[in-house]
Amino acid sequence: MSRLSSDGVLTVTAPKVLPMPSSGERIVPIQQTGPVKKIMSNE
């Protein structure tokens, strides 16, 4: 998230980085933002 003040100061905030599990696996959360866009076919 970012915020720009009236005097031009940009403040950026982000979640803390979690330590990686010992297995080296990284879990990435997936968030759907809307319906799937239809692709038109020329067949």
Protein backbone atom coordinates (compact mmCIF):
# COMPACT_ATOMS: atom_id res chain seq x y z
CA MET A 1 0.00 0.00 0.00
CA SER A 2 1.28 3.48 -0.70
CA ARG A 3 0.22 6.94 0.36
CA LEU A 4 1.18 10.37 -0.98
CA SER A 5 0.88 13.28 1.44
CA SER A 6 -0.05 16.81 0.41
CA ASP A 7 3.59 17.90 0.80
CA GLY A 8 4.81 15.18 -1.62
CA VAL A 9 6.04 12.51 0.81
CA LEU A 10 5.40 9.00 -0.51
CA THR A 11 4.98 6.34 2.18
CA VAL A 12 5.04 2.68 1.11
CA THR A 13 4.03 -0.11 3.49
CA ALA A 14 4.35 -3.85 2.90
CA PRO A 15 3.87 -6.97 5.02
CA LYS A 16 6.88 -8.36 6.85
CA VAL A 17 8.85 -11.04 5.04
CA LEU A 18 8.30 -14.40 6.68
CA PRO A 19 11.28 -16.73 7.10
CA MET A 20 11.44 -19.43 4.43
CA PRO A 21 10.68 -22.96 5.67
CA SER A 22 13.68 -25.26 6.00
CA SER A 23 12.44 -27.30 3.01
CA GLY A 24 13.09 -24.29 0.75
CA GLU A 25 9.43 -24.33 -0.26
CA ARG A 26 7.71 -21.00 -0.70
CA ILE A 27 3.96 -20.61 -0.24
CA VAL A 28 2.42 -17.94 -2.45
CA PRO A 29 -1.16 -16.89 -1.71
CA ILE A 30 -3.38 -16.59 -4.80
CA GLN A 31 -6.26 -14.15 -4.84
CA GLN A 32 -8.85 -14.13 -7.63
CA THR A 33 -9.83 -10.61 -8.64
CA GLY A 34 -12.75 -11.29 -10.95
CA PRO A 35 -14.31 -13.59 -13.52
CA VAL A 36 -12.20 -15.19 -16.25
CA LYS A 37 -12.02 -13.13 -19.43
CA LYS A 38 -13.52 -14.93 -22.46
CA ILE A 39 -11.15 -15.40 -25.39
CA MET A 40 -12.81 -15.16 -28.81
CA SER A 41 -11.88 -17.90 -31.29
CA ASN A 42 -11.61 -17.30 -35.06
CA GLU A 43 -12.55 -20.89 -35.99
